[in-house]
Amino acid sequence: MDKDSMQSAVIKLIEKYIPDRIDLKELIKEDTDSVKYILEEIDRYKTKSYEEVDLDIIKDVFFFWG
């Protein structure tokens, strides 16, 4: 998973699970090292359960960037 793929995936997760956190979308664009923090924020504040496909994306992001 390259940088652009990771950023795109994380932005989609933010938009899906905590759409009011625009600040996190900007943060991932500026600082890829913040990916673990952002995924923790999504997990903490999500308003619905993860879909299976999104869990796979999260696993990939952690594997390559965590």
N, C-alpha and C. Protein backbone atom coordinates (compact mmCIF):
# COMPACT_ATOMS: atom_id res chain seq x y z
N MET A 1 0.86 -1.17 0.00
CA MET A 1 0.00 0.00 0.00
C MET A 1 0.91 1.23 0.00
N ASP A 2 0.80 2.02 -1.04
CA ASP A 2 1.62 3.23 -1.12
C ASP A 2 0.94 4.38 -0.37
N LYS A 3 1.64 5.49 -0.30
CA LYS A 3 1.18 6.65 0.46
C LYS A 3 -0.18 7.15 -0.04
N ASP A 4 -0.33 7.28 -1.34
CA ASP A 4 -1.58 7.80 -1.89
C ASP A 4 -2.76 6.87 -1.61
N SER A 5 -2.53 5.56 -1.73
CA SER A 5 -3.59 4.58 -1.44
C SER A 5 -4.00 4.65 0.02
N MET A 6 -3.02 4.76 0.89
CA MET A 6 -3.31 4.84 2.31
C MET A 6 -4.10 6.09 2.64
N GLN A 7 -3.66 7.22 2.12
CA GLN A 7 -4.36 8.47 2.39
C GLN A 7 -5.80 8.42 1.89
N SER A 8 -5.98 7.90 0.70
CA SER A 8 -7.32 7.78 0.14
C SER A 8 -8.21 6.88 0.99
N ALA A 9 -7.67 5.76 1.43
CA ALA A 9 -8.43 4.81 2.24
C ALA A 9 -8.81 5.43 3.58
N VAL A 10 -7.88 6.11 4.21
CA VAL A 10 -8.16 6.71 5.51
C VAL A 10 -9.18 7.84 5.37
N ILE A 11 -9.09 8.62 4.33
CA ILE A 11 -10.07 9.69 4.11
C ILE A 11 -11.46 9.10 3.92
N LYS A 12 -11.58 8.01 3.18
CA LYS A 12 -12.88 7.36 3.01
C LYS A 12 -13.43 6.86 4.33
N LEU A 13 -12.55 6.31 5.17
CA LEU A 13 -13.00 5.85 6.50
C LEU A 13 -13.48 7.02 7.35
N ILE A 14 -12.75 8.12 7.31
CA ILE A 14 -13.16 9.32 8.06
C ILE A 14 -14.52 9.78 7.58
N GLU A 15 -14.69 9.91 6.27
CA GLU A 15 -15.95 10.39 5.71
C GLU A 15 -17.12 9.46 6.06
N LYS A 16 -16.85 8.18 6.15
CA LYS A 16 -17.90 7.21 6.41
C LYS A 16 -18.28 7.13 7.89
N TYR A 17 -17.28 7.18 8.77
CA TYR A 17 -17.54 6.90 10.17
C TYR A 17 -17.56 8.12 11.08
N ILE A 18 -16.83 9.16 10.75
CA ILE A 18 -16.88 10.39 11.55
C ILE A 18 -16.78 11.61 10.61
N PRO A 19 -17.80 11.83 9.81
CA PRO A 19 -17.75 12.87 8.77
C PRO A 19 -17.57 14.29 9.30
N ASP A 20 -17.85 14.52 10.56
CA ASP A 20 -17.70 15.86 11.10
C ASP A 20 -16.26 16.21 11.45
N ARG A 21 -15.33 15.27 11.31
CA ARG A 21 -13.93 15.50 11.66
C ARG A 21 -13.09 15.83 10.42
N ILE A 22 -13.40 16.95 9.82
CA ILE A 22 -12.67 17.43 8.65
C ILE A 22 -11.18 17.64 8.98
N ASP A 23 -10.90 17.99 10.22
CA ASP A 23 -9.52 18.22 10.63
C ASP A 23 -8.65 16.98 10.42
N LEU A 24 -9.23 15.81 10.58
CA LEU A 24 -8.46 14.57 10.40
C LEU A 24 -8.13 14.34 8.93
N LYS A 25 -9.02 14.74 8.05
CA LYS A 25 -8.73 14.61 6.61
C LYS A 25 -7.54 15.49 6.23
N GLU A 26 -7.49 16.67 6.78
CA GLU A 26 -6.36 17.56 6.51
C GLU A 26 -5.08 17.01 7.13
N LEU A 27 -5.20 16.45 8.32
CA LEU A 27 -4.03 15.93 9.02
C LEU A 27 -3.37 14.79 8.25
N ILE A 28 -4.15 13.87 7.71
CA ILE A 28 -3.56 12.73 6.99
C ILE A 28 -2.88 13.19 5.70
N LYS A 29 -3.37 14.27 5.11
CA LYS A 29 -2.73 14.81 3.91
C LYS A 29 -1.38 15.45 4.23
N GLU A 30 -1.28 16.04 5.43
CA GLU A 30 -0.07 16.75 5.81
C GLU A 30 0.96 15.85 6.49
N ASP A 31 0.49 14.84 7.23
CA ASP A 31 1.39 14.05 8.07
C ASP A 31 0.98 12.58 8.07
N THR A 32 1.64 11.79 7.24
CA THR A 32 1.28 10.37 7.16
C THR A 32 1.61 9.62 8.44
N ASP A 33 2.50 10.15 9.26
CA ASP A 33 2.82 9.50 10.53
C ASP A 33 1.66 9.55 11.53
N SER A 34 0.66 10.34 11.24
CA SER A 34 -0.49 10.46 12.13
C SER A 34 -1.55 9.39 11.89
N VAL A 35 -1.28 8.43 11.02
CA VAL A 35 -2.28 7.46 10.63
C VAL A 35 -2.80 6.64 11.82
N LYS A 36 -1.93 6.23 12.73
CA LYS A 36 -2.38 5.46 13.89
C LYS A 36 -3.31 6.30 14.77
N TYR A 37 -2.95 7.54 14.98
CA TYR A 37 -3.80 8.44 15.76
C TYR A 37 -5.17 8.59 15.11
N ILE A 38 -5.19 8.77 13.82
CA ILE A 38 -6.45 8.96 13.10
C ILE A 38 -7.32 7.71 13.18
N LEU A 39 -6.72 6.54 13.00
CA LEU A 39 -7.51 5.30 13.10
C LEU A 39 -8.05 5.11 14.51
N GLU A 40 -7.29 5.51 15.51
CA GLU A 40 -7.78 5.45 16.89
C GLU A 40 -8.96 6.40 17.09
N GLU A 41 -8.88 7.57 16.51
CA GLU A 41 -9.98 8.54 16.61
C GLU A 41 -11.24 8.01 15.92
N ILE A 42 -11.07 7.39 14.77
CA ILE A 42 -12.21 6.81 14.07
C ILE A 42 -12.84 5.73 14.95
N ASP A 43 -12.01 4.87 15.51
CA ASP A 43 -12.54 3.81 16.35
C ASP A 43 -13.25 4.36 17.59
N ARG A 44 -12.71 5.37 18.17
CA ARG A 44 -13.28 5.95 19.39
C ARG A 44 -14.60 6.66 19.13
N TYR A 45 -14.71 7.37 18.03
CA TYR A 45 -15.87 8.24 17.81
C TYR A 45 -16.82 7.79 16.71
N LYS A 46 -16.60 6.62 16.14
CA LYS A 46 -17.47 6.17 15.05
C LYS A 46 -18.92 6.05 15.55
N THR A 47 -19.85 6.30 14.66
CA THR A 47 -21.27 6.29 15.03
C THR A 47 -21.96 5.00 14.62
N LYS A 48 -21.24 4.10 13.98
CA LYS A 48 -21.80 2.81 13.59
C LYS A 48 -20.68 1.78 13.55
N SER A 49 -21.06 0.52 13.52
CA SER A 49 -20.07 -0.56 13.48
C SER A 49 -19.37 -0.61 12.14
N TYR A 50 -18.14 -1.11 12.17
CA TYR A 50 -17.39 -1.24 10.93
C TYR A 50 -18.01 -2.30 10.04
N GLU A 51 -17.97 -2.04 8.75
CA GLU A 51 -18.32 -3.06 7.77
C GLU A 51 -17.10 -3.93 7.54
N GLU A 52 -17.31 -5.16 7.12
CA GLU A 52 -16.21 -6.12 6.95
C GLU A 52 -15.14 -5.60 5.99
N VAL A 53 -15.56 -5.00 4.90
CA VAL A 53 -14.60 -4.47 3.92
C VAL A 53 -13.72 -3.38 4.54
N ASP A 54 -14.30 -2.58 5.43
CA ASP A 54 -13.53 -1.53 6.08
C ASP A 54 -12.54 -2.10 7.09
N LEU A 55 -12.91 -3.19 7.74
CA LEU A 55 -11.97 -3.85 8.65
C LEU A 55 -10.74 -4.35 7.89
N ASP A 56 -10.96 -4.86 6.68
CA ASP A 56 -9.84 -5.30 5.85
C ASP A 56 -8.93 -4.12 5.48
N ILE A 57 -9.53 -2.99 5.18
CA ILE A 57 -8.76 -1.79 4.85
C ILE A 57 -7.95 -1.35 6.05
N ILE A 58 -8.55 -1.36 7.22
CA ILE A 58 -7.85 -0.96 8.45
C ILE A 58 -6.67 -1.89 8.72
N LYS A 59 -6.88 -3.18 8.52
CA LYS A 59 -5.79 -4.15 8.72
C LYS A 59 -4.64 -3.86 7.76
N ASP A 60 -4.96 -3.58 6.51
CA ASP A 60 -3.92 -3.26 5.53
C ASP A 60 -3.16 -1.99 5.91
N VAL A 61 -3.87 -0.98 6.31
CA VAL A 61 -3.23 0.28 6.70
C VAL A 61 -2.29 0.04 7.88
N PHE A 62 -2.74 -0.69 8.89
CA PHE A 62 -1.88 -0.98 10.03
C PHE A 62 -0.67 -1.82 9.63
N PHE A 63 -0.88 -2.78 8.74
CA PHE A 63 0.23 -3.63 8.31
C PHE A 63 1.34 -2.82 7.64
N PHE A 64 0.95 -1.94 6.74
CA PHE A 64 1.93 -1.17 5.97
C PHE A 64 2.37 0.12 6.65
N TRP A 65 1.53 0.71 7.50
CA TRP A 65 1.82 2.04 8.04
C TRP A 65 1.80 2.11 9.56
N GLY A 66 1.41 1.03 10.24
CA GLY A 66 1.25 1.08 11.70
C GLY A 66 2.45 0.82 12.50
